[in-house]
Amino acid sequence: MLRELKTFIAVTQDGTFAAAGQRIGLTQSAVSAQIRGLEDYLGMTLFDRTGRSAVLNAAGSRILPMAEQILEIFASMSQPESLGDFRGVIKIGAISTFQTGLLPQVLVKLHQSAPALETKLVPGVSFNLLTQVDAGNIDLAIVIKPGFPLAKDLHSETLAREPFVLIAPTHLQGEDPIALLREQPFIRYDRTSFGGRMVSQFLRSQRLEPKVALEIDEIDAIVKMVENGLGVALVPLAGLWLERKANLRVVSLDELTFHRELILVMRHANRQSPLHMLIGRCLHDVAQTSLSHQ
């Protein structure tokens, strides 16, 4: 019945069988069959079905907290008594700049505490990683904080705030970032990404419409374009280019500086598990150490 209980909880969160199925990877008919099986087993209906929506009735409302507790207890059964005894695979999602930046240091600390643990890294953009955590496909993720509220069953913790700067080819003169953005070709941080949306908001606030030469999502790729003289760009202070001392100029935005916030995201049901707490401590320790060295 564990599978049916998970599907039941998904329907209560999404409001329809179709939406729940899309999130957890089942067809609408499969969701319907699992809910019907659960209701037959319990001998009661759990939802008032009106049109496409599924609303908890009194019995469903009574069952919901017990279903959540059962799944939490079952998950805790697989947790070892000692951190050093952790085995199996943990799936960690991370945006590219974190994978090539602080994540290696985090994994060193993690494997010192849990040497038998296998880590699977899942790359992706922030929105896709949030969706995978919400669906239970990955255990946790490091993403850019979105401009909208997270799903109610997700828990987040702030890891770092990274300032945006203007980067320009070395041959360009001038310290006024607004003038450079107005006059030079612009390499745009993909406007569909969370970070790119922040750049778009900044440009609107300054009433700037730069001449876009290229639009791309990878920050280190943007840096390479700037190094080769293709234009200027607005990027966060994050990524491999900081370690290799990129051949470009960094121009501060001064009082106009805006930041992207890196957050750790996991499901609320997992936030108290020893393994998730251990990973959270490793992440916070490395992020704080990096901040103190800046």
C-alpha atoms as a PDB file:
ATOM      1  CA  MET A   1       0.000   0.000   0.000  1.00  0.00           C
ATOM      2  CA  LEU A   2       2.983   2.354   0.198  1.00  0.00           C
ATOM      3  CA  ARG A   3       2.744   3.136  -3.513  1.00  0.00           C
ATOM      4  CA  GLU A   4      -0.952   3.925  -3.182  1.00  0.00           C
ATOM      5  CA  LEU A   5      -0.331   6.161  -0.165  1.00  0.00           C
ATOM      6  CA  LYS A   6       2.294   8.135  -2.112  1.00  0.00           C
ATOM      7  CA  THR A   7      -0.148   8.592  -4.976  1.00  0.00           C
ATOM      8  CA  PHE A   8      -2.905   9.608  -2.543  1.00  0.00           C
ATOM      9  CA  ILE A   9      -0.687  12.330  -1.073  1.00  0.00           C
ATOM     10  CA  ALA A  10       0.272  13.525  -4.562  1.00  0.00           C
ATOM     11  CA  VAL A  11      -3.401  13.948  -5.506  1.00  0.00           C
ATOM     12  CA  THR A  12      -4.067  15.958  -2.320  1.00  0.00           C
ATOM     13  CA  GLN A  13      -1.201  18.275  -3.271  1.00  0.00           C
ATOM     14  CA  ASP A  14      -2.049  18.733  -6.951  1.00  0.00           C
ATOM     15  CA  GLY A  15      -5.846  18.692  -6.831  1.00  0.00           C
ATOM     16  CA  THR A  16      -6.450  16.440  -9.854  1.00  0.00           C
ATOM     17  CA  PHE A  17      -5.534  12.902 -10.853  1.00  0.00           C
ATOM     18  CA  ALA A  18      -4.024  14.188 -14.122  1.00  0.00           C
ATOM     19  CA  ALA A  19      -1.757  16.769 -12.441  1.00  0.00           C
ATOM     20  CA  ALA A  20      -0.606  14.291  -9.801  1.00  0.00           C
ATOM     21  CA  GLY A  21       0.120  11.678 -12.461  1.00  0.00           C
ATOM     22  CA  GLN A  22       2.140  14.120 -14.532  1.00  0.00           C
ATOM     23  CA  ARG A  23       4.313  14.973 -11.514  1.00  0.00           C
ATOM     24  CA  ILE A  24       4.935  11.411 -10.305  1.00  0.00           C
ATOM     25  CA  GLY A  25       5.202   9.789 -13.737  1.00  0.00           C
ATOM     26  CA  LEU A  26       1.875   7.928 -13.950  1.00  0.00           C
ATOM     27  CA  THR A  27      -1.017   8.117 -16.375  1.00  0.00           C
ATOM     28  CA  GLN A  28      -4.305   9.522 -15.142  1.00  0.00           C
ATOM     29  CA  SER A  29      -5.887   6.065 -15.369  1.00  0.00           C
ATOM     30  CA  ALA A  30      -3.046   4.559 -13.286  1.00  0.00           C
ATOM     31  CA  VAL A  31      -3.551   7.204 -10.601  1.00  0.00           C
ATOM     32  CA  SER A  32      -7.284   6.547 -10.634  1.00  0.00           C
ATOM     33  CA  ALA A  33      -6.713   2.799 -10.297  1.00  0.00           C
ATOM     34  CA  GLN A  34      -4.352   3.247  -7.331  1.00  0.00           C
ATOM     35  CA  ILE A  35      -6.746   5.583  -5.520  1.00  0.00           C
ATOM     36  CA  ARG A  36      -9.632   3.197  -6.174  1.00  0.00           C
ATOM     37  CA  GLY A  37      -7.514   0.332  -4.805  1.00  0.00           C
ATOM     38  CA  LEU A  38      -6.698   2.308  -1.658  1.00  0.00           C
ATOM     39  CA  GLU A  39     -10.356   3.218  -1.141  1.00  0.00           C
ATOM     40  CA  ASP A  40     -11.398  -0.422  -1.597  1.00  0.00           C
ATOM     41  CA  TYR A  41      -8.768  -1.540   0.910  1.00  0.00           C
ATOM     42  CA  LEU A  42      -9.892   1.033   3.504  1.00  0.00           C
ATOM     43  CA  GLY A  43     -13.584   0.583   2.748  1.00  0.00           C
ATOM     44  CA  MET A  44     -14.258   4.306   2.283  1.00  0.00           C
ATOM     45  CA  THR A  45     -14.079   7.001  -0.346  1.00  0.00           C
ATOM     46  CA  LEU A  46     -11.404   9.648   0.198  1.00  0.00           C
ATOM     47  CA  PHE A  47     -12.261  12.319  -2.388  1.00  0.00           C
ATOM     48  CA  ASP A  48     -15.282  14.216  -3.616  1.00  0.00           C
ATOM     49  CA  ARG A  49     -14.847  14.032  -7.381  1.00  0.00           C
ATOM     50  CA  THR A  50     -16.346  17.080  -9.091  1.00  0.00           C
ATOM     51  CA  GLY A  51     -15.460  17.440 -12.754  1.00  0.00           C
ATOM     52  CA  ARG A  52     -11.699  17.141 -13.101  1.00  0.00           C
ATOM     53  CA  SER A  53     -10.901  18.116  -9.513  1.00  0.00           C
ATOM     54  CA  ALA A  54     -10.487  15.763  -6.552  1.00  0.00           C
ATOM     55  CA  VAL A  55     -11.256  17.359  -3.181  1.00  0.00           C
ATOM     56  CA  LEU A  56     -10.591  15.568   0.108  1.00  0.00           C
ATOM     57  CA  ASN A  57     -13.756  14.622   1.949  1.00  0.00           C
ATOM     58  CA  ALA A  58     -13.952  14.207   5.726  1.00  0.00           C
ATOM     59  CA  ALA A  59     -12.535  10.666   5.625  1.00  0.00           C
ATOM     60  CA  GLY A  60      -9.679  11.727   3.337  1.00  0.00           C
ATOM     61  CA  SER A  61      -8.809  14.659   5.595  1.00  0.00           C
ATOM     62  CA  ARG A  62      -8.627  12.292   8.564  1.00  0.00           C
ATOM     63  CA  ILE A  63      -6.456   9.797   6.681  1.00  0.00           C
ATOM     64  CA  LEU A  64      -3.975  12.310   5.198  1.00  0.00           C
ATOM     65  CA  PRO A  65      -1.800  13.014   8.297  1.00  0.00           C
ATOM     66  CA  MET A  66      -1.657   9.287   9.071  1.00  0.00           C
ATOM     67  CA  ALA A  67      -0.579   8.499   5.495  1.00  0.00           C
ATOM     68  CA  GLU A  68       2.209  11.090   5.730  1.00  0.00           C
ATOM     69  CA  GLN A  69       3.324   9.652   9.069  1.00  0.00           C
ATOM     70  CA  ILE A  70       3.402   6.100   7.691  1.00  0.00           C
ATOM     71  CA  LEU A  71       5.659   7.145   4.806  1.00  0.00           C
ATOM     72  CA  GLU A  72       7.968   9.080   7.135  1.00  0.00           C
ATOM     73  CA  ILE A  73       8.279   6.067   9.452  1.00  0.00           C
ATOM     74  CA  PHE A  74       8.992   3.752   6.533  1.00  0.00           C
ATOM     75  CA  ALA A  75      11.687   6.120   5.211  1.00  0.00           C
ATOM     76  CA  SER A  76      13.351   6.261   8.644  1.00  0.00           C
ATOM     77  CA  MET A  77      13.602   2.452   8.770  1.00  0.00           C
ATOM     78  CA  SER A  78      16.353   2.544   6.141  1.00  0.00           C
ATOM     79  CA  GLN A  79      18.486   5.031   8.083  1.00  0.00           C
ATOM     80  CA  PRO A  80      21.552   3.489   9.793  1.00  0.00           C
ATOM     81  CA  GLU A  81      22.443   4.222  13.408  1.00  0.00           C
ATOM     82  CA  SER A  82      25.884   5.653  12.541  1.00  0.00           C
ATOM     83  CA  LEU A  83      26.774   8.181   9.832  1.00  0.00           C
ATOM     84  CA  GLY A  84      29.692   6.008   8.838  1.00  0.00           C
ATOM     85  CA  ASP A  85      27.279   3.175   8.016  1.00  0.00           C
ATOM     86  CA  PHE A  86      25.384   5.093   5.320  1.00  0.00           C
ATOM     87  CA  ARG A  87      25.242   3.045   2.132  1.00  0.00           C
ATOM     88  CA  GLY A  88      23.415   3.239  -1.148  1.00  0.00           C
ATOM     89  CA  VAL A  89      23.014   6.141  -3.547  1.00  0.00           C
ATOM     90  CA  ILE A  90      22.107   9.775  -2.860  1.00  0.00           C
ATOM     91  CA  LYS A  91      21.042  11.837  -5.888  1.00  0.00           C
ATOM     92  CA  ILE A  92      22.123  15.481  -5.713  1.00  0.00           C
ATOM     93  CA  GLY A  93      21.076  17.983  -8.348  1.00  0.00           C
ATOM     94  CA  ALA A  94      23.113  21.142  -8.922  1.00  0.00           C
ATOM     95  CA  ILE A  95      23.340  23.981 -11.387  1.00  0.00           C
ATOM     96  CA  SER A  96      26.532  23.996 -13.437  1.00  0.00           C
ATOM     97  CA  THR A  97      28.372  26.787 -11.601  1.00  0.00           C
ATOM     98  CA  PHE A  98      27.930  24.992  -8.275  1.00  0.00           C
ATOM     99  CA  GLN A  99      29.042  21.643  -9.715  1.00  0.00           C
ATOM    100  CA  THR A 100      32.259  23.195 -10.997  1.00  0.00           C
ATOM    101  CA  GLY A 101      32.644  25.511  -8.003  1.00  0.00           C
ATOM    102  CA  LEU A 102      31.938  24.500  -4.408  1.00  0.00           C
ATOM    103  CA  LEU A 103      30.401  21.051  -4.862  1.00  0.00           C
ATOM    104  CA  PRO A 104      33.717  19.110  -5.043  1.00  0.00           C
ATOM    105  CA  GLN A 105      34.678  20.470  -1.600  1.00  0.00           C
ATOM    106  CA  VAL A 106      31.235  19.506  -0.279  1.00  0.00           C
ATOM    107  CA  LEU A 107      31.627  15.947  -1.561  1.00  0.00           C
ATOM    108  CA  VAL A 108      35.037  15.594   0.091  1.00  0.00           C
ATOM    109  CA  LYS A 109      33.527  16.496   3.479  1.00  0.00           C
ATOM    110  CA  LEU A 110      30.511  14.244   2.845  1.00  0.00           C
ATOM    111  CA  HIS A 111      32.587  11.191   1.968  1.00  0.00           C
ATOM    112  CA  GLN A 112      34.821  11.714   4.990  1.00  0.00           C
ATOM    113  CA  SER A 113      31.721  11.301   7.190  1.00  0.00           C
ATOM    114  CA  ALA A 114      29.970   8.644   5.079  1.00  0.00           C
ATOM    115  CA  PRO A 115      32.686   6.806   3.089  1.00  0.00           C
ATOM    116  CA  ALA A 116      30.367   4.020   1.879  1.00  0.00           C
ATOM    117  CA  LEU A 117      27.854   6.434   0.377  1.00  0.00           C
ATOM    118  CA  GLU A 118      27.661   6.683  -3.422  1.00  0.00           C
ATOM    119  CA  THR A 119      26.796  10.096  -4.812  1.00  0.00           C
ATOM    120  CA  LYS A 120      25.054  10.563  -8.146  1.00  0.00           C
ATOM    121  CA  LEU A 121      25.227  14.111  -9.517  1.00  0.00           C
ATOM    122  CA  VAL A 122      22.337  15.337 -11.638  1.00  0.00           C
ATOM    123  CA  PRO A 123      23.040  18.469 -13.713  1.00  0.00           C
ATOM    124  CA  GLY A 124      20.317  20.823 -14.864  1.00  0.00           C
ATOM    125  CA  VAL A 125      18.828  24.287 -14.783  1.00  0.00           C
ATOM    126  CA  SER A 126      17.108  25.433 -11.599  1.00  0.00           C
ATOM    127  CA  PHE A 127      13.497  24.963 -12.732  1.00  0.00           C
ATOM    128  CA  ASN A 128      14.036  21.386 -13.904  1.00  0.00           C
ATOM    129  CA  LEU A 129      15.918  20.464 -10.730  1.00  0.00           C
ATOM    130  CA  LEU A 130      13.126  21.881  -8.555  1.00  0.00           C
ATOM    131  CA  THR A 131      10.626  19.773 -10.497  1.00  0.00           C
ATOM    132  CA  GLN A 132      12.718  16.637  -9.980  1.00  0.00           C
ATOM    133  CA  VAL A 133      13.022  17.210  -6.220  1.00  0.00           C
ATOM    134  CA  ASP A 134       9.270  17.817  -6.010  1.00  0.00           C
ATOM    135  CA  ALA A 135       8.601  14.595  -7.918  1.00  0.00           C
ATOM    136  CA  GLY A 136      10.995  12.600  -5.717  1.00  0.00           C
ATOM    137  CA  ASN A 137      13.346  11.770  -8.607  1.00  0.00           C
ATOM    138  CA  ILE A 138      16.338  13.326  -6.814  1.00  0.00           C
ATOM    139  CA  ASP A 139      16.964  13.709  -3.093  1.00  0.00           C
ATOM    140  CA  LEU A 140      17.978  17.371  -2.973  1.00  0.00           C
ATOM    141  CA  ALA A 141      19.295  20.128  -5.205  1.00  0.00           C
ATOM    142  CA  ILE A 142      21.292  23.344  -5.169  1.00  0.00           C
ATOM    143  CA  VAL A 143      19.503  25.886  -7.347  1.00  0.00           C
ATOM    144  CA  ILE A 144      18.920  29.593  -7.815  1.00  0.00           C
ATOM    145  CA  LYS A 145      16.029  30.851  -5.712  1.00  0.00           C
ATOM    146  CA  PRO A 146      13.085  31.413  -8.057  1.00  0.00           C
ATOM    147  CA  GLY A 147      10.951  34.516  -8.192  1.00  0.00           C
ATOM    148  CA  PHE A 148       7.858  32.522  -7.201  1.00  0.00           C
ATOM    149  CA  PRO A 149       6.906  30.518  -4.069  1.00  0.00           C
ATOM    150  CA  LEU A 150       8.147  26.939  -3.878  1.00  0.00           C
ATOM    151  CA  ALA A 151       5.727  24.031  -3.784  1.00  0.00           C
ATOM    152  CA  LYS A 152       4.294  23.648  -0.297  1.00  0.00           C
ATOM    153  CA  ASP A 153       5.999  20.294   0.320  1.00  0.00           C
ATOM    154  CA  LEU A 154       9.484  21.664  -0.455  1.00  0.00           C
ATOM    155  CA  HIS A 155      11.897  23.005   2.157  1.00  0.00           C
ATOM    156  CA  SER A 156      14.677  25.465   1.256  1.00  0.00           C
ATOM    157  CA  GLU A 157      17.747  26.903   2.985  1.00  0.00           C
ATOM    158  CA  THR A 158      19.890  29.804   1.774  1.00  0.00           C
ATOM    159  CA  LEU A 159      23.509  28.871   1.032  1.00  0.00           C
ATOM    160  CA  ALA A 160      24.954  32.019  -0.534  1.00  0.00           C
ATOM    161  CA  ARG A 161      24.195  35.327  -2.250  1.00  0.00           C
ATOM    162  CA  GLU A 162      26.265  35.964  -5.368  1.00  0.00           C
ATOM    163  CA  PRO A 163      26.579  39.521  -6.738  1.00  0.00           C
ATOM    164  CA  PHE A 164      26.207  40.213 -10.448  1.00  0.00           C
ATOM    165  CA  VAL A 165      28.973  42.140 -12.198  1.00  0.00           C
ATOM    166  CA  LEU A 166      29.613  43.418 -15.693  1.00  0.00           C
ATOM    167  CA  ILE A 167      32.409  41.639 -17.563  1.00  0.00           C
ATOM    168  CA  ALA A 168      34.078  43.177 -20.604  1.00  0.00           C
ATOM    169  CA  PRO A 169      37.002  42.442 -22.957  1.00  0.00           C
ATOM    170  CA  THR A 170      40.316  43.793 -21.701  1.00  0.00           C
ATOM    171  CA  HIS A 171      40.666  46.279 -24.551  1.00  0.00           C
ATOM    172  CA  LEU A 172      37.440  48.135 -23.670  1.00  0.00           C
ATOM    173  CA  GLN A 173      37.907  51.313 -21.663  1.00  0.00           C
ATOM    174  CA  GLY A 174      35.483  52.843 -19.173  1.00  0.00           C
ATOM    175  CA  GLU A 175      34.197  52.120 -15.667  1.00  0.00           C
ATOM    176  CA  ASP A 176      30.544  53.082 -16.172  1.00  0.00           C
ATOM    177  CA  PRO A 177      28.609  49.790 -16.502  1.00  0.00           C
ATOM    178  CA  ILE A 178      25.470  51.516 -17.814  1.00  0.00           C
ATOM    179  CA  ALA A 179      27.424  53.246 -20.590  1.00  0.00           C
ATOM    180  CA  LEU A 180      29.125  49.972 -21.549  1.00  0.00           C
ATOM    181  CA  LEU A 181      25.783  48.156 -21.667  1.00  0.00           C
ATOM    182  CA  ARG A 182      24.285  50.922 -23.775  1.00  0.00           C
ATOM    183  CA  GLU A 183      27.179  51.130 -26.255  1.00  0.00           C
ATOM    184  CA  GLN A 184      28.592  47.596 -26.602  1.00  0.00           C
ATOM    185  CA  PRO A 185      27.230  44.325 -28.046  1.00  0.00           C
ATOM    186  CA  PHE A 186      25.583  42.316 -25.264  1.00  0.00           C
ATOM    187  CA  ILE A 187      25.937  38.592 -24.519  1.00  0.00           C
ATOM    188  CA  ARG A 188      22.702  37.788 -22.766  1.00  0.00           C
ATOM    189  CA  TYR A 189      22.261  35.314 -19.903  1.00  0.00           C
ATOM    190  CA  ASP A 190      19.371  33.129 -21.134  1.00  0.00           C
ATOM    191  CA  ARG A 191      16.243  35.049 -20.174  1.00  0.00           C
ATOM    192  CA  THR A 192      14.237  31.867 -19.496  1.00  0.00           C
ATOM    193  CA  SER A 193      16.579  30.857 -16.636  1.00  0.00           C
ATOM    194  CA  PHE A 194      16.139  32.198 -13.095  1.00  0.00           C
ATOM    195  CA  GLY A 195      19.422  34.128 -13.287  1.00  0.00           C
ATOM    196  CA  GLY A 196      18.580  35.415 -16.750  1.00  0.00           C
ATOM    197  CA  ARG A 197      15.255  36.738 -15.491  1.00  0.00           C
ATOM    198  CA  MET A 198      17.130  38.757 -12.880  1.00  0.00           C
ATOM    199  CA  VAL A 199      19.274  40.273 -15.642  1.00  0.00           C
ATOM    200  CA  SER A 200      16.100  41.134 -17.563  1.00  0.00           C
ATOM    201  CA  GLN A 201      14.639  42.845 -14.497  1.00  0.00           C
ATOM    202  CA  PHE A 202      17.827  44.870 -14.062  1.00  0.00           C
ATOM    203  CA  LEU A 203      17.818  45.989 -17.693  1.00  0.00           C
ATOM    204  CA  ARG A 204      14.170  47.054 -17.433  1.00  0.00           C
ATOM    205  CA  SER A 205      14.816  48.950 -14.203  1.00  0.00           C
ATOM    206  CA  GLN A 206      17.629  50.884 -15.925  1.00  0.00           C
ATOM    207  CA  ARG A 207      15.609  51.301 -19.136  1.00  0.00           C
ATOM    208  CA  LEU A 208      18.314  49.594 -21.133  1.00  0.00           C
ATOM    209  CA  GLU A 209      17.834  47.781 -24.438  1.00  0.00           C
ATOM    210  CA  PRO A 210      21.339  46.544 -25.299  1.00  0.00           C
ATOM    211  CA  LYS A 211      22.261  45.189 -28.722  1.00  0.00           C
ATOM    212  CA  VAL A 212      22.109  41.418 -28.157  1.00  0.00           C
ATOM    213  CA  ALA A 213      24.894  39.550 -29.953  1.00  0.00           C
ATOM    214  CA  LEU A 214      24.191  36.139 -28.409  1.00  0.00           C
ATOM    215  CA  GLU A 215      21.960  34.524 -25.777  1.00  0.00           C
ATOM    216  CA  ILE A 216      23.258  31.531 -23.800  1.00  0.00           C
ATOM    217  CA  ASP A 217      22.658  29.853 -20.426  1.00  0.00           C
ATOM    218  CA  GLU A 218      26.131  28.621 -19.409  1.00  0.00           C
ATOM    219  CA  ILE A 219      28.027  31.274 -17.435  1.00  0.00           C
ATOM    220  CA  ASP A 220      31.477  29.902 -18.242  1.00  0.00           C
ATOM    221  CA  ALA A 221      30.529  29.893 -21.933  1.00  0.00           C
ATOM    222  CA  ILE A 222      29.421  33.523 -21.637  1.00  0.00           C
ATOM    223  CA  VAL A 223      32.806  34.342 -20.104  1.00  0.00           C
ATOM    224  CA  LYS A 224      34.627  32.710 -23.048  1.00  0.00           C
ATOM    225  CA  MET A 225      32.605  34.825 -25.485  1.00  0.00           C
ATOM    226  CA  VAL A 226      33.563  37.990 -23.623  1.00  0.00           C
ATOM    227  CA  GLU A 227      37.227  36.940 -23.521  1.00  0.00           C
ATOM    228  CA  ASN A 228      37.146  36.626 -27.307  1.00  0.00           C
ATOM    229  CA  GLY A 229      35.779  40.144 -27.701  1.00  0.00           C
ATOM    230  CA  LEU A 230      32.216  39.322 -28.725  1.00  0.00           C
ATOM    231  CA  GLY A 231      30.684  41.781 -26.267  1.00  0.00           C
ATOM    232  CA  VAL A 232      29.952  42.543 -22.621  1.00  0.00           C
ATOM    233  CA  ALA A 233      27.780  40.550 -20.200  1.00  0.00           C
ATOM    234  CA  LEU A 234      26.118  40.566 -16.793  1.00  0.00           C
ATOM    235  CA  VAL A 235      27.023  37.446 -14.799  1.00  0.00           C
ATOM    236  CA  PRO A 236      27.188  36.385 -11.144  1.00  0.00           C
ATOM    237  CA  LEU A 237      30.559  36.021  -9.443  1.00  0.00           C
ATOM    238  CA  ALA A 238      30.493  32.224  -9.697  1.00  0.00           C
ATOM    239  CA  GLY A 239      32.031  29.537 -11.880  1.00  0.00           C
ATOM    240  CA  LEU A 240      35.353  28.160 -13.073  1.00  0.00           C
ATOM    241  CA  TRP A 241      36.349  31.462 -14.651  1.00  0.00           C
ATOM    242  CA  LEU A 242      37.085  32.888 -11.202  1.00  0.00           C
ATOM    243  CA  GLU A 243      39.635  30.142 -10.506  1.00  0.00           C
ATOM    244  CA  ARG A 244      41.445  30.333 -13.839  1.00  0.00           C
ATOM    245  CA  LYS A 245      41.744  34.151 -13.777  1.00  0.00           C
ATOM    246  CA  ALA A 246      39.850  34.868 -16.970  1.00  0.00           C
ATOM    247  CA  ASN A 247      41.352  37.348 -19.424  1.00  0.00           C
ATOM    248  CA  LEU A 248      38.717  40.067 -19.075  1.00  0.00           C
ATOM    249  CA  ARG A 249      37.762  43.133 -17.035  1.00  0.00           C
ATOM    250  CA  VAL A 250      35.302  42.930 -14.133  1.00  0.00           C
ATOM    251  CA  VAL A 251      33.315  46.138 -13.655  1.00  0.00           C
ATOM    252  CA  SER A 252      31.360  46.547 -10.418  1.00  0.00           C
ATOM    253  CA  LEU A 253      27.734  47.660 -10.564  1.00  0.00           C
ATOM    254  CA  ASP A 254      28.315  49.519  -7.260  1.00  0.00           C
ATOM    255  CA  GLU A 255      25.002  50.715  -5.796  1.00  0.00           C
ATOM    256  CA  LEU A 256      23.105  49.026  -8.660  1.00  0.00           C
ATOM    257  CA  THR A 257      24.428  45.582  -7.690  1.00  0.00           C
ATOM    258  CA  PHE A 258      21.833  42.807  -7.580  1.00  0.00           C
ATOM    259  CA  HIS A 259      22.317  39.245  -6.354  1.00  0.00           C
ATOM    260  CA  ARG A 260      21.203  35.733  -7.088  1.00  0.00           C
ATOM    261  CA  GLU A 261      20.497  33.540  -4.071  1.00  0.00           C
ATOM    262  CA  LEU A 262      21.658  29.933  -4.023  1.00  0.00           C
ATOM    263  CA  ILE A 263      19.381  27.648  -2.031  1.00  0.00           C
ATOM    264  CA  LEU A 264      19.384  24.035  -0.936  1.00  0.00           C
ATOM    265  CA  VAL A 265      16.023  22.400  -1.685  1.00  0.00           C
ATOM    266  CA  MET A 266      14.616  19.113  -0.391  1.00  0.00           C
ATOM    267  CA  ARG A 267      11.230  17.707   0.487  1.00  0.00           C
ATOM    268  CA  HIS A 268       9.872  18.647   3.926  1.00  0.00           C
ATOM    269  CA  ALA A 269       9.517  14.964   4.746  1.00  0.00           C
ATOM    270  CA  ASN A 270      13.297  14.524   4.393  1.00  0.00           C
ATOM    271  CA  ARG A 271      14.613  17.595   6.190  1.00  0.00           C
ATOM    272  CA  GLN A 272      15.038  15.742   9.511  1.00  0.00           C
ATOM    273  CA  SER A 273      16.667  12.623   8.081  1.00  0.00           C
ATOM    274  CA  PRO A 274      20.266  12.184   9.338  1.00  0.00           C
ATOM    275  CA  LEU A 275      21.670  11.925   5.805  1.00  0.00           C
ATOM    276  CA  HIS A 276      19.962  15.082   4.536  1.00  0.00           C
ATOM    277  CA  MET A 277      21.039  16.939   7.673  1.00  0.00           C
ATOM    278  CA  LEU A 278      24.642  15.770   7.139  1.00  0.00           C
ATOM    279  CA  ILE A 279      24.657  16.979   3.529  1.00  0.00           C
ATOM    280  CA  GLY A 280      23.120  20.266   4.630  1.00  0.00           C
ATOM    281  CA  ARG A 281      25.885  20.787   7.202  1.00  0.00           C
ATOM    282  CA  CYS A 282      28.584  20.056   4.601  1.00  0.00           C
ATOM    283  CA  LEU A 283      27.010  22.526   2.186  1.00  0.00           C
ATOM    284  CA  HIS A 284      26.689  25.288   4.772  1.00  0.00           C
ATOM    285  CA  ASP A 285      30.241  24.744   6.062  1.00  0.00           C
ATOM    286  CA  VAL A 286      31.785  25.010   2.593  1.00  0.00           C
ATOM    287  CA  ALA A 287      29.602  27.990   1.628  1.00  0.00           C
ATOM    288  CA  GLN A 288      30.568  29.866   4.815  1.00  0.00           C
ATOM    289  CA  THR A 289      34.266  29.080   4.355  1.00  0.00           C
ATOM    290  CA  SER A 290      34.125  30.346   0.768  1.00  0.00           C
ATOM    291  CA  LEU A 291      32.354  33.517   1.885  1.00  0.00           C
ATOM    292  CA  SER A 292      34.976  34.229   4.574  1.00  0.00           C
ATOM    293  CA  HIS A 293      37.762  33.951   1.974  1.00  0.00           C
ATOM    294  CA  GLN A 294      36.199  36.468  -0.385  1.00  0.00           C
END
